[in-house]
């Protein structure tokens, strides 16, 4: 089963070199153990553009979808046999990136 591990951050800064190094080690472990599907870090929320084409009239808004203290800073998509394994991997990812991680299964 695949899971989305969303990295939640609450400061206006990116990872420091020590966090980047720990994330690299975690990513290598995920790849080596067959859990890796895809991952990526995201730019700051103020670089976002929201598109809303419901109703046939496209509306483009600069800035994040939601103004919040916390924001999505990055993510992993992992393969895990069950939720317990996904949660254990998320705990390791949280430790590596020094941020909260939300776990959600794909349907």
Protein backbone atom coordinates (compact mmCIF):
# COMPACT_ATOMS: atom_id res chain seq x y z
CA UNK A 1 0.00 0.00 0.00
CA UNK A 2 1.16 3.54 -0.67
CA UNK A 3 1.13 6.38 1.85
CA UNK A 4 1.67 10.12 1.61
CA UNK A 5 3.94 11.48 4.35
CA UNK A 6 3.36 15.25 4.42
CA UNK A 7 6.04 17.36 6.09
CA UNK A 8 4.41 20.16 8.09
CA UNK A 9 6.53 23.19 8.95
CA UNK A 10 5.76 26.29 11.01
CA UNK A 11 8.71 28.60 10.43
CA UNK A 12 9.63 30.86 7.51
CA UNK A 13 12.83 28.93 6.78
CA UNK A 14 14.06 25.93 4.87
CA UNK A 15 16.09 23.00 6.17
CA UNK A 16 19.49 23.74 7.67
CA UNK A 17 22.51 21.69 6.47
CA UNK A 18 22.27 19.21 9.37
CA UNK A 19 18.60 18.53 8.57
CA UNK A 20 19.39 18.18 4.85
CA UNK A 21 22.06 15.59 5.66
CA UNK A 22 19.69 13.62 7.91
CA UNK A 23 16.98 13.73 5.23
CA UNK A 24 19.47 12.40 2.65
CA UNK A 25 20.33 9.47 4.96
CA UNK A 26 16.62 8.75 5.50
CA UNK A 27 15.93 8.92 1.75
CA UNK A 28 18.78 6.49 1.07
CA UNK A 29 17.35 4.10 3.65
CA UNK A 30 13.88 4.28 2.08
CA UNK A 31 15.40 3.56 -1.32
CA UNK A 32 17.60 0.74 -0.05
CA UNK A 33 14.75 -1.00 1.77
CA UNK A 34 12.26 -0.70 -1.08
CA UNK A 35 9.91 1.82 0.56
CA UNK A 36 10.78 4.76 -1.72
CA UNK A 37 8.29 5.81 -4.39
CA UNK A 38 8.85 9.57 -4.71
CA UNK A 39 9.70 12.58 -2.55
CA UNK A 40 10.25 16.28 -2.84
CA UNK A 41 10.70 19.51 -0.97
CA UNK A 42 8.46 22.45 -1.80
CA UNK A 43 9.14 26.16 -2.17
CA UNK A 44 7.74 28.57 0.39
CA UNK A 45 3.93 29.07 0.36
CA UNK A 46 4.14 32.63 -0.98
CA UNK A 47 5.40 31.18 -4.29
CA UNK A 48 2.15 29.23 -4.82
CA UNK A 49 -0.52 29.98 -7.39
CA UNK A 50 -4.07 28.68 -6.93
CA UNK A 51 -6.25 27.92 -9.96
CA UNK A 52 -10.03 27.54 -9.64
CA UNK A 53 -11.79 26.57 -12.85
CA UNK A 54 -15.05 25.40 -11.29
CA UNK A 55 -17.99 26.75 -13.21
CA UNK A 56 -15.96 27.29 -16.36
CA UNK A 57 -14.43 30.64 -15.43
CA UNK A 58 -10.78 30.31 -14.52
CA UNK A 59 -9.69 32.24 -11.46
CA UNK A 60 -5.97 32.57 -10.73
CA UNK A 61 -4.84 33.71 -7.29
CA UNK A 62 -1.25 34.34 -6.26
CA UNK A 63 -0.25 32.97 -2.90
CA UNK A 64 -1.20 29.88 -0.94
CA UNK A 65 -4.59 28.17 -0.97
CA UNK A 66 -4.83 28.66 2.77
CA UNK A 67 -3.22 31.27 5.01
CA UNK A 68 -1.88 29.40 8.01
CA UNK A 69 1.02 29.35 10.44
CA UNK A 70 1.74 25.78 9.33
CA UNK A 71 2.32 24.77 5.73
CA UNK A 72 3.28 21.81 3.56
CA UNK A 73 7.07 21.95 3.24
CA UNK A 74 7.60 18.66 1.43
CA UNK A 75 6.48 15.07 1.20
CA UNK A 76 7.37 11.44 0.70
CA UNK A 77 5.28 8.87 -1.13
CA UNK A 78 6.21 5.51 0.33
CA UNK A 79 5.30 1.86 -0.12
CA UNK A 80 4.59 0.03 3.15
CA UNK A 81 2.82 -3.25 3.93
CA UNK A 82 0.55 -1.63 6.53
CA UNK A 83 -0.19 1.50 8.55
CA UNK A 84 2.07 0.46 11.44
CA UNK A 85 5.11 0.32 9.14
CA UNK A 86 4.10 3.64 7.52
CA UNK A 87 3.81 5.27 10.96
CA UNK A 88 7.22 3.93 12.01
CA UNK A 89 8.78 5.30 8.82
CA UNK A 90 7.00 8.63 9.32
CA UNK A 91 8.43 8.84 12.85
CA UNK A 92 11.92 8.37 11.41
CA UNK A 93 11.23 10.95 8.71
CA UNK A 94 9.98 13.41 11.33
CA UNK A 95 13.16 12.93 13.31
CA UNK A 96 15.30 13.35 10.18
CA UNK A 97 13.67 16.58 8.97
CA UNK A 98 12.89 17.93 12.45
CA UNK A 99 9.28 18.65 11.53
CA UNK A 100 5.82 17.15 12.03
CA UNK A 101 4.77 14.50 9.50
CA UNK A 102 1.18 13.62 8.62
CA UNK A 103 0.48 10.10 7.30
CA UNK A 104 -2.37 9.41 4.86
CA UNK A 105 -3.03 6.31 2.78
CA UNK A 106 -3.78 6.49 -0.91
CA UNK A 107 -7.10 4.99 -1.95
